[in-house]
Amino acid sequence: MPSWECLCCGQWVVTVETDHGRSWYRLSRRVPDPLVPGACHVAGEVSSIAALEDLLHREARLGVGDLRLAGG
């Protein structure tokens, strides 16, 4: 599953999932938790890039241009 993370801190992550031919973009924030490594808080899930841009701006004060391919 492809994912992107923010350039500023890497805490905000966008993942893409496909369900019955439709793409869903999920915005989540990595939460530091020593008991649950890799824990994330899901801020929202949308079905279009325009809605993702709105969600990113509302929740993280970021835009799509502020993301990079994770692990790259």
PDB file of N, CA and C in Angstrom:
ATOM      1  N   MET A   1       0.849  -1.164   0.000  1.00  0.00           N
ATOM      2  CA  MET A   1       0.000   0.000   0.000  1.00  0.00           C
ATOM      3  C   MET A   1       0.900   1.234   0.000  1.00  0.00           C
ATOM      4  N   PRO A   2       0.736   2.145  -0.988  1.00  0.00           N
ATOM      5  CA  PRO A   2       1.571   3.341  -1.034  1.00  0.00           C
ATOM      6  C   PRO A   2       1.233   4.290   0.111  1.00  0.00           C
ATOM      7  N   SER A   3       2.229   5.038   0.548  1.00  0.00           N
ATOM      8  CA  SER A   3       1.977   6.032   1.585  1.00  0.00           C
ATOM      9  C   SER A   3       2.911   7.219   1.407  1.00  0.00           C
ATOM     10  N   TRP A   4       2.447   8.363   1.891  1.00  0.00           N
ATOM     11  CA  TRP A   4       3.211   9.593   1.860  1.00  0.00           C
ATOM     12  C   TRP A   4       3.262  10.150   3.269  1.00  0.00           C
ATOM     13  N   GLU A   5       4.336  10.879   3.575  1.00  0.00           N
ATOM     14  CA  GLU A   5       4.462  11.509   4.889  1.00  0.00           C
ATOM     15  C   GLU A   5       4.834  12.968   4.708  1.00  0.00           C
ATOM     16  N   CYS A   6       4.559  13.767   5.723  1.00  0.00           N
ATOM     17  CA  CYS A   6       4.849  15.199   5.627  1.00  0.00           C
ATOM     18  C   CYS A   6       6.353  15.434   5.646  1.00  0.00           C
ATOM     19  N   LEU A   7       6.771  16.488   4.965  1.00  0.00           N
ATOM     20  CA  LEU A   7       8.181  16.849   4.893  1.00  0.00           C
ATOM     21  C   LEU A   7       8.691  17.468   6.191  1.00  0.00           C
ATOM     22  N   CYS A   8       7.791  18.107   6.957  1.00  0.00           N
ATOM     23  CA  CYS A   8       8.223  18.863   8.128  1.00  0.00           C
ATOM     24  C   CYS A   8       8.655  17.965   9.287  1.00  0.00           C
ATOM     25  N   CYS A   9       7.839  16.975   9.641  1.00  0.00           N
ATOM     26  CA  CYS A   9       8.150  16.181  10.838  1.00  0.00           C
ATOM     27  C   CYS A   9       7.962  14.684  10.634  1.00  0.00           C
ATOM     28  N   GLY A  10       7.307  14.283   9.573  1.00  0.00           N
ATOM     29  CA  GLY A  10       7.090  12.862   9.316  1.00  0.00           C
ATOM     30  C   GLY A  10       6.007  12.234  10.177  1.00  0.00           C
ATOM     31  N   GLN A  11       5.307  13.022  10.997  1.00  0.00           N
ATOM     32  CA  GLN A  11       4.260  12.472  11.855  1.00  0.00           C
ATOM     33  C   GLN A  11       2.956  12.254  11.112  1.00  0.00           C
ATOM     34  N   TRP A  12       2.655  13.096  10.100  1.00  0.00           N
ATOM     35  CA  TRP A  12       1.419  12.971   9.337  1.00  0.00           C
ATOM     36  C   TRP A  12       1.648  12.038   8.162  1.00  0.00           C
ATOM     37  N   VAL A  13       0.769  11.061   8.013  1.00  0.00           N
ATOM     38  CA  VAL A  13       0.928  10.042   6.973  1.00  0.00           C
ATOM     39  C   VAL A  13      -0.385   9.902   6.202  1.00  0.00           C
ATOM     40  N   VAL A  14      -0.278   9.820   4.875  1.00  0.00           N
ATOM     41  CA  VAL A  14      -1.430   9.556   4.015  1.00  0.00           C
ATOM     42  C   VAL A  14      -1.218   8.198   3.369  1.00  0.00           C
ATOM     43  N   THR A  15      -2.174   7.307   3.543  1.00  0.00           N
ATOM     44  CA  THR A  15      -2.122   6.003   2.892  1.00  0.00           C
ATOM     45  C   THR A  15      -3.280   5.915   1.901  1.00  0.00           C
ATOM     46  N   VAL A  16      -3.093   5.091   0.882  1.00  0.00           N
ATOM     47  CA  VAL A  16      -4.113   4.913  -0.148  1.00  0.00           C
ATOM     48  C   VAL A  16      -4.541   3.457  -0.144  1.00  0.00           C
ATOM     49  N   GLU A  17      -5.835   3.229  -0.072  1.00  0.00           N
ATOM     50  CA  GLU A  17      -6.391   1.882  -0.135  1.00  0.00           C
ATOM     51  C   GLU A  17      -7.435   1.841  -1.233  1.00  0.00           C
ATOM     52  N   THR A  18      -7.556   0.698  -1.882  1.00  0.00           N
ATOM     53  CA  THR A  18      -8.544   0.525  -2.939  1.00  0.00           C
ATOM     54  C   THR A  18      -9.581  -0.482  -2.480  1.00  0.00           C
ATOM     55  N   ASP A  19     -10.854  -0.099  -2.633  1.00  0.00           N
ATOM     56  CA  ASP A  19     -11.963  -0.965  -2.254  1.00  0.00           C
ATOM     57  C   ASP A  19     -12.966  -0.984  -3.404  1.00  0.00           C
ATOM     58  N   HIS A  20     -13.125  -2.135  -4.033  1.00  0.00           N
ATOM     59  CA  HIS A  20     -14.045  -2.283  -5.164  1.00  0.00           C
ATOM     60  C   HIS A  20     -13.768  -1.254  -6.254  1.00  0.00           C
ATOM     61  N   GLY A  21     -12.481  -1.046  -6.566  1.00  0.00           N
ATOM     62  CA  GLY A  21     -12.091  -0.136  -7.633  1.00  0.00           C
ATOM     63  C   GLY A  21     -12.084   1.334  -7.278  1.00  0.00           C
ATOM     64  N   ARG A  22     -12.367   1.672  -6.048  1.00  0.00           N
ATOM     65  CA  ARG A  22     -12.388   3.070  -5.611  1.00  0.00           C
ATOM     66  C   ARG A  22     -11.259   3.318  -4.619  1.00  0.00           C
ATOM     67  N   SER A  23     -10.564   4.437  -4.794  1.00  0.00           N
ATOM     68  CA  SER A  23      -9.444   4.775  -3.909  1.00  0.00           C
ATOM     69  C   SER A  23      -9.931   5.564  -2.702  1.00  0.00           C
ATOM     70  N   TRP A  24      -9.359   5.254  -1.546  1.00  0.00           N
ATOM     71  CA  TRP A  24      -9.639   5.977  -0.296  1.00  0.00           C
ATOM     72  C   TRP A  24      -8.315   6.480   0.250  1.00  0.00           C
ATOM     73  N   TYR A  25      -8.277   7.743   0.620  1.00  0.00           N
ATOM     74  CA  TYR A  25      -7.081   8.373   1.164  1.00  0.00           C
ATOM     75  C   TYR A  25      -7.287   8.565   2.661  1.00  0.00           C
ATOM     76  N   ARG A  26      -6.416   7.971   3.462  1.00  0.00           N
ATOM     77  CA  ARG A  26      -6.550   8.028   4.922  1.00  0.00           C
ATOM     78  C   ARG A  26      -5.412   8.869   5.500  1.00  0.00           C
ATOM     79  N   LEU A  27      -5.791   9.912   6.236  1.00  0.00           N
ATOM     80  CA  LEU A  27      -4.824  10.767   6.914  1.00  0.00           C
ATOM     81  C   LEU A  27      -4.723  10.323   8.363  1.00  0.00           C
ATOM     82  N   SER A  28      -3.512  10.021   8.795  1.00  0.00           N
ATOM     83  CA  SER A  28      -3.312   9.630  10.189  1.00  0.00           C
ATOM     84  C   SER A  28      -2.057  10.309  10.728  1.00  0.00           C
ATOM     85  N   ARG A  29      -1.978  10.354  12.028  1.00  0.00           N
ATOM     86  CA  ARG A  29      -0.826  10.967  12.699  1.00  0.00           C
ATOM     87  C   ARG A  29      -0.180   9.927  13.589  1.00  0.00           C
ATOM     88  N   ARG A  30       1.126   9.778  13.424  1.00  0.00           N
ATOM     89  CA  ARG A  30       1.862   8.842  14.278  1.00  0.00           C
ATOM     90  C   ARG A  30       1.881   9.373  15.700  1.00  0.00           C
ATOM     91  N   VAL A  31       1.583   8.494  16.641  1.00  0.00           N
ATOM     92  CA  VAL A  31       1.521   8.870  18.049  1.00  0.00           C
ATOM     93  C   VAL A  31       2.610   8.115  18.795  1.00  0.00           C
ATOM     94  N   PRO A  32       3.556   8.823  19.416  1.00  0.00           N
ATOM     95  CA  PRO A  32       4.588   8.124  20.176  1.00  0.00           C
ATOM     96  C   PRO A  32       3.987   7.446  21.402  1.00  0.00           C
ATOM     97  N   ASP A  33       4.090   6.131  21.445  1.00  0.00           N
ATOM     98  CA  ASP A  33       3.555   5.355  22.562  1.00  0.00           C
ATOM     99  C   ASP A  33       4.496   4.175  22.796  1.00  0.00           C
ATOM    100  N   PRO A  34       5.206   4.172  23.932  1.00  0.00           N
ATOM    101  CA  PRO A  34       6.163   3.088  24.182  1.00  0.00           C
ATOM    102  C   PRO A  34       5.496   1.714  24.298  1.00  0.00           C
ATOM    103  N   LEU A  35       4.218   1.678  24.640  1.00  0.00           N
ATOM    104  CA  LEU A  35       3.523   0.401  24.781  1.00  0.00           C
ATOM    105  C   LEU A  35       3.015  -0.144  23.453  1.00  0.00           C
ATOM    106  N   VAL A  36       2.747   0.765  22.500  1.00  0.00           N
ATOM    107  CA  VAL A  36       2.229   0.360  21.191  1.00  0.00           C
ATOM    108  C   VAL A  36       3.067   1.033  20.096  1.00  0.00           C
ATOM    109  N   PRO A  37       4.197   0.437  19.737  1.00  0.00           N
ATOM    110  CA  PRO A  37       5.037   1.040  18.695  1.00  0.00           C
ATOM    111  C   PRO A  37       4.276   1.157  17.375  1.00  0.00           C
ATOM    112  N   GLY A  38       4.415   2.289  16.725  1.00  0.00           N
ATOM    113  CA  GLY A  38       3.753   2.508  15.448  1.00  0.00           C
ATOM    114  C   GLY A  38       2.291   2.899  15.554  1.00  0.00           C
ATOM    115  N   ALA A  39       1.847   3.272  16.745  1.00  0.00           N
ATOM    116  CA  ALA A  39       0.443   3.648  16.934  1.00  0.00           C
ATOM    117  C   ALA A  39       0.114   4.906  16.126  1.00  0.00           C
ATOM    118  N   CYS A  40      -1.095   4.954  15.568  1.00  0.00           N
ATOM    119  CA  CYS A  40      -1.545   6.088  14.765  1.00  0.00           C
ATOM    120  C   CYS A  40      -2.952   6.495  15.172  1.00  0.00           C
ATOM    121  N   HIS A  41      -3.204   7.793  15.060  1.00  0.00           N
ATOM    122  CA  HIS A  41      -4.546   8.335  15.251  1.00  0.00           C
ATOM    123  C   HIS A  41      -5.073   8.711  13.871  1.00  0.00           C
ATOM    124  N   VAL A  42      -6.177   8.129  13.432  1.00  0.00           N
ATOM    125  CA  VAL A  42      -6.748   8.433  12.128  1.00  0.00           C
ATOM    126  C   VAL A  42      -7.545   9.731  12.226  1.00  0.00           C
ATOM    127  N   ALA A  43      -7.143  10.709  11.414  1.00  0.00           N
ATOM    128  CA  ALA A  43      -7.810  12.010  11.431  1.00  0.00           C
ATOM    129  C   ALA A  43      -8.985  12.038  10.459  1.00  0.00           C
ATOM    130  N   GLY A  44      -8.945  11.204   9.443  1.00  0.00           N
ATOM    131  CA  GLY A  44     -10.048  11.179   8.490  1.00  0.00           C
ATOM    132  C   GLY A  44      -9.731  10.335   7.277  1.00  0.00           C
ATOM    133  N   GLU A  45     -10.780  10.045   6.510  1.00  0.00           N
ATOM    134  CA  GLU A  45     -10.651   9.242   5.306  1.00  0.00           C
ATOM    135  C   GLU A  45     -11.553   9.858   4.243  1.00  0.00           C
ATOM    136  N   VAL A  46     -11.007  10.098   3.050  1.00  0.00           N
ATOM    137  CA  VAL A  46     -11.745  10.745   1.976  1.00  0.00           C
ATOM    138  C   VAL A  46     -11.533   9.992   0.669  1.00  0.00           C
ATOM    139  N   SER A  47     -12.350  10.342  -0.348  1.00  0.00           N
ATOM    140  CA  SER A  47     -12.301   9.589  -1.595  1.00  0.00           C
ATOM    141  C   SER A  47     -11.805  10.396  -2.795  1.00  0.00           C
ATOM    142  N   SER A  48     -11.307  11.617  -2.575  1.00  0.00           N
ATOM    143  CA  SER A  48     -10.785  12.401  -3.692  1.00  0.00           C
ATOM    144  C   SER A  48      -9.584  13.224  -3.235  1.00  0.00           C
ATOM    145  N   ILE A  49      -8.774  13.621  -4.216  1.00  0.00           N
ATOM    146  CA  ILE A  49      -7.604  14.444  -3.902  1.00  0.00           C
ATOM    147  C   ILE A  49      -8.040  15.819  -3.386  1.00  0.00           C
ATOM    148  N   ALA A  50      -9.099  16.372  -3.946  1.00  0.00           N
ATOM    149  CA  ALA A  50      -9.604  17.681  -3.480  1.00  0.00           C
ATOM    150  C   ALA A  50     -10.038  17.598  -2.017  1.00  0.00           C
ATOM    151  N   ALA A  51     -10.734  16.533  -1.665  1.00  0.00           N
ATOM    152  CA  ALA A  51     -11.163  16.350  -0.272  1.00  0.00           C
ATOM    153  C   ALA A  51      -9.954  16.090   0.626  1.00  0.00           C
ATOM    154  N   LEU A  52      -8.932  15.405   0.097  1.00  0.00           N
ATOM    155  CA  LEU A  52      -7.703  15.175   0.869  1.00  0.00           C
ATOM    156  C   LEU A  52      -7.004  16.496   1.149  1.00  0.00           C
ATOM    157  N   GLU A  53      -6.956  17.365   0.146  1.00  0.00           N
ATOM    158  CA  GLU A  53      -6.346  18.683   0.333  1.00  0.00           C
ATOM    159  C   GLU A  53      -7.064  19.455   1.448  1.00  0.00           C
ATOM    160  N   ASP A  54      -8.387  19.417   1.449  1.00  0.00           N
ATOM    161  CA  ASP A  54      -9.170  20.081   2.502  1.00  0.00           C
ATOM    162  C   ASP A  54      -8.891  19.469   3.870  1.00  0.00           C
ATOM    163  N   LEU A  55      -8.856  18.142   3.936  1.00  0.00           N
ATOM    164  CA  LEU A  55      -8.600  17.441   5.201  1.00  0.00           C
ATOM    165  C   LEU A  55      -7.204  17.754   5.720  1.00  0.00           C
ATOM    166  N   LEU A  56      -6.210  17.741   4.836  1.00  0.00           N
ATOM    167  CA  LEU A  56      -4.839  18.070   5.242  1.00  0.00           C
ATOM    168  C   LEU A  56      -4.759  19.485   5.800  1.00  0.00           C
ATOM    169  N   HIS A  57      -5.403  20.423   5.124  1.00  0.00           N
ATOM    170  CA  HIS A  57      -5.355  21.806   5.581  1.00  0.00           C
ATOM    171  C   HIS A  57      -6.053  21.972   6.933  1.00  0.00           C
ATOM    172  N   ARG A  58      -7.204  21.326   7.076  1.00  0.00           N
ATOM    173  CA  ARG A  58      -7.995  21.454   8.308  1.00  0.00           C
ATOM    174  C   ARG A  58      -7.315  20.788   9.506  1.00  0.00           C
ATOM    175  N   GLU A  59      -6.788  19.594   9.323  1.00  0.00           N
ATOM    176  CA  GLU A  59      -6.246  18.818  10.443  1.00  0.00           C
ATOM    177  C   GLU A  59      -4.757  19.074  10.715  1.00  0.00           C
ATOM    178  N   ALA A  60      -3.972  19.258   9.652  1.00  0.00           N
ATOM    179  CA  ALA A  60      -2.520  19.311   9.826  1.00  0.00           C
ATOM    180  C   ALA A  60      -1.886  20.615   9.371  1.00  0.00           C
ATOM    181  N   ARG A  61      -2.692  21.530   8.824  1.00  0.00           N
ATOM    182  CA  ARG A  61      -2.169  22.788   8.276  1.00  0.00           C
ATOM    183  C   ARG A  61      -1.110  22.510   7.204  1.00  0.00           C
ATOM    184  N   LEU A  62      -1.355  21.466   6.387  1.00  0.00           N
ATOM    185  CA  LEU A  62      -0.462  21.067   5.306  1.00  0.00           C
ATOM    186  C   LEU A  62      -1.246  21.027   4.008  1.00  0.00           C
ATOM    187  N   GLY A  63      -0.536  20.881   2.905  1.00  0.00           N
ATOM    188  CA  GLY A  63      -1.147  20.665   1.600  1.00  0.00           C
ATOM    189  C   GLY A  63      -0.564  19.418   0.977  1.00  0.00           C
ATOM    190  N   VAL A  64      -1.113  18.991  -0.122  1.00  0.00           N
ATOM    191  CA  VAL A  64      -0.614  17.803  -0.808  1.00  0.00           C
ATOM    192  C   VAL A  64       0.852  17.993  -1.215  1.00  0.00           C
ATOM    193  N   GLY A  65       1.231  19.228  -1.562  1.00  0.00           N
ATOM    194  CA  GLY A  65       2.610  19.506  -1.937  1.00  0.00           C
ATOM    195  C   GLY A  65       3.607  19.381  -0.799  1.00  0.00           C
ATOM    196  N   ASP A  66       3.131  19.280   0.431  1.00  0.00           N
ATOM    197  CA  ASP A  66       4.002  19.144   1.599  1.00  0.00           C
ATOM    198  C   ASP A  66       4.315  17.693   1.920  1.00  0.00           C
ATOM    199  N   LEU A  67       3.885  16.757   1.066  1.00  0.00           N
ATOM    200  CA  LEU A  67       4.079  15.326   1.323  1.00  0.00           C
ATOM    201  C   LEU A  67       5.179  14.768   0.436  1.00  0.00           C
ATOM    202  N   ARG A  68       5.829  13.721   0.901  1.00  0.00           N
ATOM    203  CA  ARG A  68       6.806  12.982   0.110  1.00  0.00           C
ATOM    204  C   ARG A  68       6.509  11.500   0.231  1.00  0.00           C
ATOM    205  N   LEU A  69       6.936  10.741  -0.731  1.00  0.00           N
ATOM    206  CA  LEU A  69       6.744   9.297  -0.706  1.00  0.00           C
ATOM    207  C   LEU A  69       7.489   8.721   0.503  1.00  0.00           C
ATOM    208  N   ALA A  70       6.811   7.967   1.326  1.00  0.00           N
ATOM    209  CA  ALA A  70       7.428   7.416   2.545  1.00  0.00           C
ATOM    210  C   ALA A  70       8.532   6.437   2.161  1.00  0.00           C
ATOM    211  N   GLY A  71       9.606   6.498   2.901  1.00  0.00           N
ATOM    212  CA  GLY A  71      10.738   5.603   2.671  1.00  0.00           C
ATOM    213  C   GLY A  71      11.630   6.042   1.525  1.00  0.00           C
ATOM    214  N   GLY A  72      11.359   7.219   0.982  1.00  0.00           N
ATOM    215  CA  GLY A  72      12.127   7.646  -0.187  1.00  0.00           C
ATOM    216  C   GLY A  72      12.963   8.843   0.037  1.00  0.00           C
TER     217      GLY A  72
END
